[in-house]
Amino acid sequence: MHVTRILAIRHGETAWNVDTRIQGQLDIGLNDKGRTQALLLARSLAEREPLQAIYASDLARAWHTAQAVGQAQGLAVLPHTGLRERAFGAFEGRTFTEIEAELPDHARHWRQRTPDWAPPDGGESLLALRERVLATVDELAARHLGEQIALVAHGGVMDVLYRAATRLDVQAARTWQLPNTAVNRLLWTPEGLSLVGWADTTHLDGRSRDETTA
């Protein structure tokens, strides 16, 4: 079968998620709640979702979430920089409120989701992010036709995958959630992605946090 089943999973919670502070490609680790979320996720998947491979962003918050899943499944986690969060340049380390106050013109482009705009000082545009993420998914999914794999990454990556699977433009307003450690189910074929299920957090006890960009 020319189909790969994908479980796309956002990392567990971090202290910066709680503070609404932009992480981007800064290497921020999980907080205590995030570590608990990762363990609950790993236990649930081990019971009902056998995997053939696990790939993860090499940033600590995604990597440690994936490691918990890998240990429960008896699989080594494979790093891929193509699964990193969007690079946010000068936004990284700032809260939403600080960005609005200190960089208002750039904040406006961010709110409006200007496709080719990039945050100053090395940020990544939405178009560049989409190209990177979808090329990475094509590369990894093509290795596992007929199998089920996990991709553990970030909110920005999950957003790209949802839009690709539902054929939504990068500027469409977001109406879907991106909770920490949510399981998002996709099918990949050489023709593209399709959506099976989104934002499954039944392995948690209702404590997940939804963030737009972290």
N, C-alpha and C. Protein backbone atom coordinates (compact mmCIF):
# COMPACT_ATOMS: atom_id res chain seq x y z
N MET A 1 0.85 -1.20 0.00
CA MET A 1 0.00 0.00 0.00
C MET A 1 0.88 1.25 0.00
N HIS A 2 0.52 2.23 -0.82
CA HIS A 2 1.29 3.47 -0.89
C HIS A 2 0.73 4.50 0.08
N VAL A 3 0.57 4.08 1.33
CA VAL A 3 0.03 4.95 2.38
C VAL A 3 0.90 4.80 3.62
N THR A 4 1.20 5.93 4.25
CA THR A 4 1.88 5.92 5.54
C THR A 4 0.97 6.60 6.55
N ARG A 5 0.73 5.92 7.66
CA ARG A 5 -0.06 6.51 8.75
C ARG A 5 0.89 7.30 9.65
N ILE A 6 0.51 8.52 9.94
CA ILE A 6 1.35 9.43 10.73
C ILE A 6 0.61 9.86 11.98
N LEU A 7 1.28 9.73 13.12
CA LEU A 7 0.84 10.37 14.35
C LEU A 7 1.73 11.60 14.54
N ALA A 8 1.18 12.77 14.32
CA ALA A 8 1.92 14.02 14.47
C ALA A 8 1.63 14.57 15.87
N ILE A 9 2.67 14.78 16.65
CA ILE A 9 2.51 15.06 18.08
C ILE A 9 3.29 16.30 18.46
N ARG A 10 2.62 17.24 19.11
CA ARG A 10 3.31 18.40 19.66
C ARG A 10 3.97 18.03 20.99
N HIS A 11 5.09 18.67 21.28
CA HIS A 11 5.82 18.41 22.52
C HIS A 11 4.99 18.72 23.76
N GLY A 12 5.45 18.23 24.91
CA GLY A 12 4.83 18.56 26.19
C GLY A 12 5.05 20.01 26.60
N GLU A 13 4.38 20.40 27.64
CA GLU A 13 4.40 21.79 28.09
C GLU A 13 5.77 22.22 28.60
N THR A 14 6.08 23.50 28.37
CA THR A 14 7.29 24.12 28.91
C THR A 14 6.90 25.34 29.73
N ALA A 15 7.84 25.83 30.53
CA ALA A 15 7.58 27.04 31.31
C ALA A 15 7.29 28.23 30.39
N TRP A 16 7.92 28.25 29.23
CA TRP A 16 7.70 29.36 28.30
C TRP A 16 6.33 29.28 27.64
N ASN A 17 5.77 28.08 27.47
CA ASN A 17 4.38 27.98 27.03
C ASN A 17 3.47 28.69 28.02
N VAL A 18 3.69 28.44 29.30
CA VAL A 18 2.86 29.03 30.35
C VAL A 18 2.97 30.55 30.32
N ASP A 19 4.18 31.05 30.08
CA ASP A 19 4.43 32.50 30.07
C ASP A 19 4.07 33.17 28.75
N THR A 20 3.59 32.40 27.77
CA THR A 20 3.36 32.88 26.40
C THR A 20 4.61 33.55 25.83
N ARG A 21 5.75 32.94 26.09
CA ARG A 21 7.03 33.45 25.61
C ARG A 21 7.45 32.63 24.38
N ILE A 22 7.83 33.31 23.31
CA ILE A 22 8.14 32.64 22.05
C ILE A 22 9.44 31.85 22.17
N GLN A 23 9.35 30.57 21.89
CA GLN A 23 10.52 29.71 21.96
C GLN A 23 11.24 29.62 20.64
N GLY A 24 10.48 29.48 19.55
CA GLY A 24 11.10 29.34 18.25
C GLY A 24 12.10 28.20 18.26
N GLN A 25 13.33 28.48 17.85
CA GLN A 25 14.35 27.45 17.82
C GLN A 25 15.31 27.53 19.00
N LEU A 26 14.95 28.30 20.04
CA LEU A 26 15.69 28.23 21.30
C LEU A 26 15.40 26.89 21.96
N ASP A 27 16.38 26.37 22.67
CA ASP A 27 16.28 25.00 23.17
C ASP A 27 15.76 24.98 24.60
N ILE A 28 14.45 25.08 24.73
CA ILE A 28 13.79 25.13 26.03
C ILE A 28 13.26 23.73 26.38
N GLY A 29 13.53 23.29 27.60
CA GLY A 29 13.12 21.95 28.01
C GLY A 29 11.70 21.90 28.56
N LEU A 30 11.22 20.71 28.81
CA LEU A 30 9.89 20.50 29.39
C LEU A 30 9.88 20.93 30.86
N ASN A 31 8.72 21.39 31.31
CA ASN A 31 8.54 21.58 32.75
C ASN A 31 7.99 20.28 33.36
N ASP A 32 7.70 20.30 34.65
CA ASP A 32 7.24 19.07 35.31
C ASP A 32 5.94 18.55 34.68
N LYS A 33 5.03 19.45 34.38
CA LYS A 33 3.78 19.05 33.76
C LYS A 33 4.04 18.45 32.38
N GLY A 34 4.95 19.05 31.63
CA GLY A 34 5.28 18.53 30.31
C GLY A 34 5.85 17.14 30.37
N ARG A 35 6.69 16.88 31.36
CA ARG A 35 7.25 15.53 31.51
C ARG A 35 6.16 14.51 31.85
N THR A 36 5.21 14.92 32.69
CA THR A 36 4.08 14.04 33.00
C THR A 36 3.24 13.77 31.76
N GLN A 37 2.98 14.81 30.98
CA GLN A 37 2.22 14.65 29.74
C GLN A 37 2.91 13.65 28.82
N ALA A 38 4.23 13.76 28.70
CA ALA A 38 4.98 12.86 27.82
C ALA A 38 4.85 11.41 28.28
N LEU A 39 4.91 11.18 29.58
CA LEU A 39 4.78 9.82 30.11
C LEU A 39 3.37 9.26 29.87
N LEU A 40 2.36 10.10 30.06
CA LEU A 40 0.98 9.66 29.81
C LEU A 40 0.78 9.34 28.33
N LEU A 41 1.32 10.18 27.48
CA LEU A 41 1.27 9.93 26.04
C LEU A 41 1.93 8.61 25.70
N ALA A 42 3.14 8.41 26.21
CA ALA A 42 3.91 7.21 25.90
C ALA A 42 3.17 5.95 26.34
N ARG A 43 2.60 6.00 27.52
CA ARG A 43 1.86 4.83 28.04
C ARG A 43 0.66 4.52 27.17
N SER A 44 -0.08 5.56 26.76
CA SER A 44 -1.26 5.35 25.93
C SER A 44 -0.92 4.78 24.57
N LEU A 45 0.11 5.34 23.92
CA LEU A 45 0.48 4.85 22.60
C LEU A 45 1.01 3.42 22.66
N ALA A 46 1.75 3.10 23.71
CA ALA A 46 2.29 1.75 23.84
C ALA A 46 1.18 0.72 23.96
N GLU A 47 0.05 1.12 24.54
CA GLU A 47 -1.07 0.20 24.74
C GLU A 47 -1.89 -0.01 23.49
N ARG A 48 -1.97 1.01 22.60
CA ARG A 48 -2.94 0.90 21.50
C ARG A 48 -2.46 1.40 20.15
N GLU A 49 -1.25 1.94 20.05
CA GLU A 49 -0.78 2.53 18.78
C GLU A 49 0.65 2.07 18.49
N PRO A 50 0.86 0.84 18.08
CA PRO A 50 2.23 0.40 17.78
C PRO A 50 2.81 1.20 16.62
N LEU A 51 4.09 1.54 16.78
CA LEU A 51 4.80 2.36 15.79
C LEU A 51 5.94 1.58 15.19
N GLN A 52 6.26 1.92 13.95
CA GLN A 52 7.43 1.33 13.30
C GLN A 52 8.64 2.26 13.34
N ALA A 53 8.41 3.56 13.55
CA ALA A 53 9.52 4.52 13.62
C ALA A 53 9.04 5.78 14.32
N ILE A 54 9.98 6.45 14.97
CA ILE A 54 9.70 7.72 15.64
C ILE A 54 10.77 8.72 15.21
N TYR A 55 10.32 9.85 14.66
CA TYR A 55 11.21 10.94 14.29
C TYR A 55 10.84 12.16 15.14
N ALA A 56 11.84 12.97 15.46
CA ALA A 56 11.57 14.13 16.31
C ALA A 56 12.48 15.29 15.96
N SER A 57 11.98 16.49 16.21
CA SER A 57 12.83 17.67 16.25
C SER A 57 13.92 17.43 17.27
N ASP A 58 15.10 17.98 16.99
CA ASP A 58 16.21 17.81 17.93
C ASP A 58 16.19 18.82 19.07
N LEU A 59 15.20 19.71 19.11
CA LEU A 59 15.07 20.64 20.23
C LEU A 59 14.54 19.89 21.45
N ALA A 60 15.05 20.23 22.62
CA ALA A 60 14.87 19.39 23.81
C ALA A 60 13.41 19.10 24.14
N ARG A 61 12.53 20.08 23.99
CA ARG A 61 11.14 19.86 24.39
C ARG A 61 10.47 18.79 23.54
N ALA A 62 10.79 18.74 22.25
CA ALA A 62 10.24 17.69 21.38
C ALA A 62 11.02 16.39 21.56
N TRP A 63 12.34 16.51 21.65
CA TRP A 63 13.19 15.32 21.75
C TRP A 63 12.87 14.51 23.01
N HIS A 64 12.71 15.16 24.15
CA HIS A 64 12.42 14.43 25.38
C HIS A 64 11.01 13.85 25.38
N THR A 65 10.07 14.54 24.74
CA THR A 65 8.73 13.96 24.57
C THR A 65 8.81 12.69 23.74
N ALA A 66 9.55 12.75 22.65
CA ALA A 66 9.71 11.59 21.78
C ALA A 66 10.45 10.45 22.46
N GLN A 67 11.44 10.79 23.29
CA GLN A 67 12.20 9.76 23.99
C GLN A 67 11.30 8.94 24.91
N ALA A 68 10.36 9.59 25.56
CA ALA A 68 9.42 8.85 26.41
C ALA A 68 8.61 7.87 25.57
N VAL A 69 8.14 8.31 24.41
CA VAL A 69 7.38 7.43 23.51
C VAL A 69 8.26 6.29 23.03
N GLY A 70 9.48 6.59 22.65
CA GLY A 70 10.40 5.57 22.15
C GLY A 70 10.71 4.51 23.18
N GLN A 71 10.95 4.93 24.41
CA GLN A 71 11.24 3.96 25.47
C GLN A 71 10.08 3.02 25.69
N ALA A 72 8.86 3.55 25.65
CA ALA A 72 7.68 2.70 25.85
C ALA A 72 7.45 1.75 24.69
N GLN A 73 7.91 2.12 23.50
CA GLN A 73 7.71 1.29 22.31
C GLN A 73 8.92 0.41 21.99
N GLY A 74 10.02 0.62 22.69
CA GLY A 74 11.24 -0.11 22.38
C GLY A 74 11.88 0.33 21.08
N LEU A 75 11.76 1.62 20.76
CA LEU A 75 12.29 2.16 19.50
C LEU A 75 13.25 3.30 19.78
N ALA A 76 14.31 3.39 19.00
CA ALA A 76 15.19 4.54 19.06
C ALA A 76 14.54 5.71 18.33
N VAL A 77 14.68 6.90 18.88
CA VAL A 77 14.16 8.11 18.25
C VAL A 77 15.21 8.66 17.29
N LEU A 78 14.76 9.04 16.10
CA LEU A 78 15.65 9.56 15.07
C LEU A 78 15.45 11.07 14.95
N PRO A 79 16.51 11.88 15.10
CA PRO A 79 16.36 13.33 15.03
C PRO A 79 16.29 13.82 13.59
N HIS A 80 15.55 14.91 13.39
CA HIS A 80 15.50 15.55 12.07
C HIS A 80 15.28 17.05 12.27
N THR A 81 16.24 17.86 11.81
CA THR A 81 16.13 19.30 12.00
C THR A 81 14.97 19.91 11.20
N GLY A 82 14.48 19.19 10.20
CA GLY A 82 13.34 19.67 9.43
C GLY A 82 12.06 19.73 10.24
N LEU A 83 12.05 19.11 11.41
CA LEU A 83 10.88 19.13 12.29
C LEU A 83 10.98 20.20 13.37
N ARG A 84 12.00 21.05 13.30
CA ARG A 84 12.13 22.13 14.28
C ARG A 84 10.98 23.13 14.15
N GLU A 85 10.77 23.87 15.25
CA GLU A 85 9.80 24.97 15.24
C GLU A 85 10.23 26.04 14.25
N ARG A 86 9.31 26.88 13.87
CA ARG A 86 9.61 28.03 13.04
C ARG A 86 10.68 28.89 13.72
N ALA A 87 11.63 29.38 12.97
CA ALA A 87 12.62 30.32 13.49
C ALA A 87 11.96 31.69 13.62
N PHE A 88 11.99 32.25 14.82
CA PHE A 88 11.30 33.51 15.07
C PHE A 88 12.23 34.70 15.27
N GLY A 89 13.53 34.53 15.03
CA GLY A 89 14.44 35.66 15.05
C GLY A 89 14.33 36.49 16.31
N ALA A 90 14.11 37.80 16.14
CA ALA A 90 14.05 38.74 17.26
C ALA A 90 12.86 38.49 18.18
N PHE A 91 11.87 37.73 17.75
CA PHE A 91 10.72 37.41 18.61
C PHE A 91 11.09 36.41 19.70
N GLU A 92 12.11 35.61 19.47
CA GLU A 92 12.43 34.53 20.40
C GLU A 92 12.84 35.09 21.75
N GLY A 93 12.27 34.55 22.81
CA GLY A 93 12.53 35.01 24.17
C GLY A 93 11.58 36.09 24.64
N ARG A 94 10.76 36.65 23.74
CA ARG A 94 9.81 37.69 24.10
C ARG A 94 8.42 37.10 24.29
N THR A 95 7.63 37.74 25.14
CA THR A 95 6.23 37.38 25.28
C THR A 95 5.41 38.05 24.18
N PHE A 96 4.16 37.58 24.01
CA PHE A 96 3.27 38.20 23.03
C PHE A 96 3.13 39.70 23.31
N THR A 97 2.96 40.04 24.59
CA THR A 97 2.76 41.44 24.97
C THR A 97 3.99 42.28 24.65
N GLU A 98 5.18 41.75 24.92
CA GLU A 98 6.42 42.47 24.62
C GLU A 98 6.59 42.70 23.13
N ILE A 99 6.24 41.72 22.33
CA ILE A 99 6.36 41.87 20.87
C ILE A 99 5.45 42.98 20.37
N GLU A 100 4.20 43.01 20.86
CA GLU A 100 3.26 44.06 20.46
C GLU A 100 3.80 45.45 20.82
N ALA A 101 4.43 45.56 21.99
CA ALA A 101 4.90 46.86 22.46
C ALA A 101 6.21 47.29 21.80
N GLU A 102 7.12 46.35 21.58
CA GLU A 102 8.47 46.68 21.13
C GLU A 102 8.64 46.63 19.61
N LEU A 103 7.86 45.80 18.94
CA LEU A 103 7.99 45.61 17.49
C LEU A 103 6.61 45.66 16.84
N PRO A 104 5.89 46.77 16.97
CA PRO A 104 4.48 46.80 16.54
C PRO A 104 4.26 46.53 15.06
N ASP A 105 5.14 47.05 14.19
CA ASP A 105 4.96 46.82 12.76
C ASP A 105 5.13 45.34 12.42
N HIS A 106 6.13 44.73 13.01
CA HIS A 106 6.34 43.30 12.78
C HIS A 106 5.21 42.48 13.42
N ALA A 107 4.74 42.93 14.58
CA ALA A 107 3.63 42.23 15.24
C ALA A 107 2.39 42.22 14.35
N ARG A 108 2.17 43.32 13.63
CA ARG A 108 1.01 43.38 12.73
C ARG A 108 1.12 42.34 11.62
N HIS A 109 2.29 42.22 11.01
CA HIS A 109 2.48 41.19 9.98
C HIS A 109 2.26 39.79 10.55
N TRP A 110 2.72 39.59 11.77
CA TRP A 110 2.55 38.29 12.43
C TRP A 110 1.06 37.99 12.63
N ARG A 111 0.31 38.96 13.17
CA ARG A 111 -1.12 38.76 13.39
C ARG A 111 -1.85 38.50 12.08
N GLN A 112 -1.46 39.21 11.02
CA GLN A 112 -2.13 39.08 9.73
C GLN A 112 -1.65 37.87 8.93
N ARG A 113 -0.64 37.18 9.45
CA ARG A 113 -0.09 35.99 8.79
C ARG A 113 0.36 36.31 7.36
N THR A 114 1.11 37.39 7.21
CA THR A 114 1.66 37.76 5.91
C THR A 114 2.57 36.64 5.42
N PRO A 115 2.26 36.00 4.30
CA PRO A 115 2.94 34.76 3.93
C PRO A 115 4.45 34.88 3.75
N ASP A 116 4.92 35.98 3.12
CA ASP A 116 6.35 36.08 2.83
C ASP A 116 7.11 36.94 3.83
N TRP A 117 6.44 37.40 4.88
CA TRP A 117 7.11 38.18 5.92
C TRP A 117 7.84 37.24 6.87
N ALA A 118 9.02 37.65 7.32
CA ALA A 118 9.79 36.89 8.30
C ALA A 118 10.15 37.78 9.47
N PRO A 119 10.13 37.29 10.69
CA PRO A 119 10.57 38.09 11.83
C PRO A 119 12.00 38.56 11.63
N PRO A 120 12.34 39.77 12.11
CA PRO A 120 13.69 40.28 11.90
C PRO A 120 14.75 39.42 12.60
N ASP A 121 15.98 39.57 12.13
CA ASP A 121 17.14 38.90 12.72
C ASP A 121 17.08 37.38 12.53
N GLY A 122 16.80 36.97 11.31
CA GLY A 122 16.93 35.55 11.00
C GLY A 122 15.67 34.73 11.14
N GLY A 123 14.51 35.36 11.20
CA GLY A 123 13.26 34.62 11.29
C GLY A 123 12.89 33.94 9.97
N GLU A 124 11.88 33.11 10.04
CA GLU A 124 11.46 32.29 8.91
C GLU A 124 10.04 32.68 8.50
N SER A 125 9.79 32.84 7.23
CA SER A 125 8.45 33.17 6.77
C SER A 125 7.55 31.95 6.83
N LEU A 126 6.24 32.19 6.78
CA LEU A 126 5.29 31.08 6.74
C LEU A 126 5.49 30.21 5.50
N LEU A 127 5.81 30.85 4.38
CA LEU A 127 6.02 30.08 3.16
C LEU A 127 7.26 29.20 3.28
N ALA A 128 8.33 29.74 3.87
CA ALA A 128 9.55 28.94 4.05
C ALA A 128 9.31 27.80 5.04
N LEU A 129 8.57 28.08 6.11
CA LEU A 129 8.24 27.03 7.08
C LEU A 129 7.45 25.92 6.42
N ARG A 130 6.44 26.29 5.64
CA ARG A 130 5.62 25.27 4.98
C ARG A 130 6.47 24.41 4.05
N GLU A 131 7.33 25.04 3.27
CA GLU A 131 8.16 24.29 2.35
C GLU A 131 9.06 23.31 3.10
N ARG A 132 9.67 23.78 4.18
CA ARG A 132 10.57 22.92 4.96
C ARG A 132 9.83 21.73 5.57
N VAL A 133 8.71 22.01 6.21
CA VAL A 133 7.98 20.95 6.92
C VAL A 133 7.43 19.91 5.95
N LEU A 134 6.83 20.35 4.86
CA LEU A 134 6.23 19.39 3.94
C LEU A 134 7.29 18.57 3.21
N ALA A 135 8.43 19.17 2.91
CA ALA A 135 9.52 18.40 2.31
C ALA A 135 10.03 17.34 3.28
N THR A 136 10.10 17.69 4.56
CA THR A 136 10.54 16.74 5.57
C THR A 136 9.55 15.59 5.72
N VAL A 137 8.28 15.90 5.75
CA VAL A 137 7.26 14.85 5.87
C VAL A 137 7.28 13.93 4.65
N ASP A 138 7.41 14.50 3.48
CA ASP A 138 7.51 13.67 2.27
C ASP A 138 8.70 12.72 2.37
N GLU A 139 9.83 13.25 2.80
CA GLU A 139 11.05 12.44 2.91
C GLU A 139 10.86 11.29 3.89
N LEU A 140 10.32 11.58 5.05
CA LEU A 140 10.22 10.56 6.10
C LEU A 140 9.09 9.56 5.82
N ALA A 141 7.94 10.06 5.41
CA ALA A 141 6.80 9.17 5.16
C ALA A 141 7.09 8.20 4.02
N ALA A 142 7.82 8.65 3.01
CA ALA A 142 8.12 7.78 1.87
C ALA A 142 8.95 6.57 2.27
N ARG A 143 9.65 6.66 3.39
CA ARG A 143 10.44 5.53 3.86
C ARG A 143 9.60 4.43 4.51
N HIS A 144 8.33 4.73 4.81
CA HIS A 144 7.55 3.83 5.67
C HIS A 144 6.17 3.52 5.09
N LEU A 145 6.11 3.27 3.80
CA LEU A 145 4.83 2.93 3.18
C LEU A 145 4.25 1.68 3.82
N GLY A 146 2.98 1.74 4.15
CA GLY A 146 2.31 0.61 4.79
C GLY A 146 2.54 0.53 6.28
N GLU A 147 3.23 1.52 6.86
CA GLU A 147 3.55 1.49 8.29
C GLU A 147 2.96 2.71 9.00
N GLN A 148 3.09 2.71 10.32
CA GLN A 148 2.66 3.84 11.14
C GLN A 148 3.88 4.43 11.84
N ILE A 149 4.05 5.76 11.72
CA ILE A 149 5.19 6.43 12.33
C ILE A 149 4.69 7.61 13.16
N ALA A 150 5.54 8.05 14.07
CA ALA A 150 5.27 9.26 14.85
C ALA A 150 6.26 10.34 14.45
N LEU A 151 5.75 11.57 14.36
CA LEU A 151 6.57 12.75 14.15
C LEU A 151 6.30 13.67 15.33
N VAL A 152 7.32 13.89 16.16
CA VAL A 152 7.16 14.69 17.37
C VAL A 152 7.83 16.04 17.14
N ALA A 153 7.04 17.10 17.22
CA ALA A 153 7.56 18.41 16.82
C ALA A 153 6.91 19.53 17.62
N HIS A 154 6.44 20.58 16.95
CA HIS A 154 6.07 21.84 17.60
C HIS A 154 4.76 22.37 17.04
N GLY A 155 4.23 23.40 17.72
CA GLY A 155 2.96 23.96 17.30
C GLY A 155 2.96 24.47 15.88
N GLY A 156 4.03 25.16 15.48
CA GLY A 156 4.09 25.66 14.12
C GLY A 156 4.10 24.56 13.09
N VAL A 157 4.77 23.47 13.40
CA VAL A 157 4.80 22.31 12.49
C VAL A 157 3.41 21.68 12.40
N MET A 158 2.75 21.53 13.56
CA MET A 158 1.40 20.97 13.54
C MET A 158 0.44 21.83 12.71
N ASP A 159 0.59 23.14 12.83
CA ASP A 159 -0.26 24.05 12.07
C ASP A 159 -0.08 23.86 10.57
N VAL A 160 1.16 23.71 10.13
CA VAL A 160 1.44 23.46 8.71
C VAL A 160 0.78 22.16 8.26
N LEU A 161 0.89 21.12 9.07
CA LEU A 161 0.33 19.82 8.69
C LEU A 161 -1.19 19.87 8.59
N TYR A 162 -1.84 20.54 9.52
CA TYR A 162 -3.30 20.66 9.45
C TYR A 162 -3.72 21.39 8.17
N ARG A 163 -3.06 22.49 7.88
CA ARG A 163 -3.42 23.27 6.69
C ARG A 163 -3.19 22.45 5.42
N ALA A 164 -2.09 21.71 5.38
CA ALA A 164 -1.81 20.90 4.19
C ALA A 164 -2.85 19.80 4.02
N ALA A 165 -3.24 19.16 5.12
CA ALA A 165 -4.17 18.04 5.04
C ALA A 165 -5.59 18.49 4.73
N THR A 166 -5.92 19.74 5.07
CA THR A 166 -7.27 20.24 4.83
C THR A 166 -7.32 21.26 3.70
N ARG A 167 -6.17 21.45 3.03
CA ARG A 167 -6.05 22.33 1.86
C ARG A 167 -6.39 23.79 2.21
N LEU A 168 -5.97 24.23 3.40
CA LEU A 168 -6.18 25.61 3.82
C LEU A 168 -4.95 26.45 3.52
N ASP A 169 -5.19 27.69 3.13
CA ASP A 169 -4.11 28.63 2.84
C ASP A 169 -3.37 29.03 4.12
N VAL A 170 -2.13 29.47 3.98
CA VAL A 170 -1.35 29.86 5.15
C VAL A 170 -1.95 31.07 5.88
N GLN A 171 -2.76 31.87 5.19
CA GLN A 171 -3.34 33.05 5.82
C GLN A 171 -4.69 32.80 6.47
N ALA A 172 -5.25 31.61 6.31
CA ALA A 172 -6.56 31.32 6.91
C ALA A 172 -6.46 31.41 8.43
N ALA A 173 -7.48 32.01 9.05
CA ALA A 173 -7.50 32.11 10.51
C ALA A 173 -7.54 30.71 11.13
N ARG A 174 -6.80 30.54 12.22
CA ARG A 174 -6.76 29.22 12.86
C ARG A 174 -7.98 29.03 13.74
N THR A 175 -8.72 27.95 13.50
CA THR A 175 -9.89 27.59 14.30
C THR A 175 -9.70 26.23 14.97
N TRP A 176 -8.53 25.62 14.81
CA TRP A 176 -8.25 24.31 15.38
C TRP A 176 -7.24 24.47 16.52
N GLN A 177 -7.24 23.52 17.43
CA GLN A 177 -6.36 23.59 18.59
C GLN A 177 -5.03 22.88 18.35
N LEU A 178 -4.03 23.28 19.13
CA LEU A 178 -2.70 22.68 19.07
C LEU A 178 -2.23 22.35 20.49
N PRO A 179 -2.93 21.48 21.20
CA PRO A 179 -2.57 21.24 22.61
C PRO A 179 -1.25 20.47 22.74
N ASN A 180 -0.61 20.66 23.88
CA ASN A 180 0.61 19.91 24.16
C ASN A 180 0.32 18.41 24.23
N THR A 181 1.16 17.63 23.59
CA THR A 181 1.13 16.17 23.45
C THR A 181 -0.15 15.64 22.79
N ALA A 182 -0.92 16.50 22.14
CA ALA A 182 -2.07 16.01 21.38
C ALA A 182 -1.61 15.11 20.24
N VAL A 183 -2.39 14.05 19.99
CA VAL A 183 -2.10 13.13 18.89
C VAL A 183 -2.96 13.54 17.70
N ASN A 184 -2.30 13.84 16.59
CA ASN A 184 -2.98 14.26 15.36
C ASN A 184 -2.72 13.19 14.30
N ARG A 185 -3.79 12.62 13.76
CA ARG A 185 -3.67 11.46 12.87
C ARG A 185 -3.85 11.88 11.41
N LEU A 186 -2.86 11.50 10.61
CA LEU A 186 -2.83 11.86 9.19
C LEU A 186 -2.51 10.63 8.36
N LEU A 187 -2.93 10.68 7.11
CA LEU A 187 -2.50 9.70 6.12
C LEU A 187 -1.67 10.42 5.07
N TRP A 188 -0.54 9.81 4.71
CA TRP A 188 0.32 10.37 3.66
C TRP A 188 0.37 9.41 2.48
N THR A 189 0.21 9.96 1.30
CA THR A 189 0.47 9.25 0.05
C THR A 189 1.37 10.15 -0.79
N PRO A 190 1.94 9.64 -1.87
CA PRO A 190 2.75 10.53 -2.73
C PRO A 190 1.98 11.74 -3.25
N GLU A 191 0.67 11.71 -3.18
CA GLU A 191 -0.15 12.84 -3.62
C GLU A 191 -0.34 13.89 -2.53
N GLY A 192 0.00 13.55 -1.28
CA GLY A 192 -0.14 14.53 -0.20
C GLY A 192 -0.73 13.95 1.06
N LEU A 193 -1.14 14.85 1.96
CA LEU A 193 -1.67 14.47 3.27
C LEU A 193 -3.18 14.54 3.29
N SER A 194 -3.80 13.70 4.12
CA SER A 194 -5.22 13.82 4.42
C SER A 194 -5.41 13.66 5.92
N LEU A 195 -6.49 14.24 6.43
CA LEU A 195 -6.73 14.29 7.86
C LEU A 195 -7.61 13.13 8.30
N VAL A 196 -7.19 12.45 9.36
CA VAL A 196 -7.98 11.36 9.95
C VAL A 196 -8.60 11.80 11.27
N GLY A 197 -7.80 12.43 12.12
CA GLY A 197 -8.30 12.91 13.40
C GLY A 197 -7.36 13.95 13.96
N TRP A 198 -7.89 14.87 14.78
CA TRP A 198 -7.06 15.98 15.24
C TRP A 198 -7.24 16.24 16.73
N ALA A 199 -6.13 16.57 17.38
CA ALA A 199 -6.09 17.06 18.77
C ALA A 199 -6.68 16.06 19.76
N ASP A 200 -6.27 14.79 19.64
CA ASP A 200 -6.70 13.77 20.58
C ASP A 200 -5.86 13.89 21.85
N THR A 201 -6.49 14.27 22.94
CA THR A 201 -5.80 14.37 24.24
C THR A 201 -6.44 13.46 25.27
N THR A 202 -7.03 12.37 24.84
CA THR A 202 -7.70 11.47 25.79
C THR A 202 -6.73 10.82 26.76
N HIS A 203 -5.44 10.85 26.45
CA HIS A 203 -4.45 10.29 27.37
C HIS A 203 -4.15 11.23 28.54
N LEU A 204 -4.64 12.46 28.48
CA LEU A 204 -4.40 13.45 29.52
C LEU A 204 -5.63 13.60 30.41
N ASP A 205 -5.48 14.41 31.43
CA ASP A 205 -6.59 14.63 32.37
C ASP A 205 -7.17 16.03 32.25
N GLY A 206 -7.03 16.62 31.08
CA GLY A 206 -7.60 17.94 30.84
C GLY A 206 -6.67 19.08 31.15
N ARG A 207 -5.37 18.80 31.38
CA ARG A 207 -4.44 19.85 31.78
C ARG A 207 -3.61 20.38 30.63
N SER A 208 -3.93 20.04 29.39
CA SER A 208 -3.11 20.49 28.26
C SER A 208 -3.28 21.98 28.04
N ARG A 209 -2.27 22.60 27.43
CA ARG A 209 -2.27 24.04 27.16
C ARG A 209 -2.17 24.25 25.65
N ASP A 210 -3.05 25.09 25.13
CA ASP A 210 -3.05 25.38 23.70
C ASP A 210 -2.32 26.69 23.45
N GLU A 211 -1.30 26.65 22.58
CA GLU A 211 -0.57 27.84 22.19
C GLU A 211 -0.47 27.89 20.68
N THR A 212 -0.38 29.10 20.17
CA THR A 212 -0.37 29.27 18.73
C THR A 212 0.99 28.99 18.12
N THR A 213 2.06 29.41 18.77
CA THR A 213 3.34 29.43 18.07
C THR A 213 4.49 28.72 18.76
N ALA A 214 4.36 28.37 20.01
CA ALA A 214 5.54 27.90 20.75
C ALA A 214 5.90 26.46 20.42
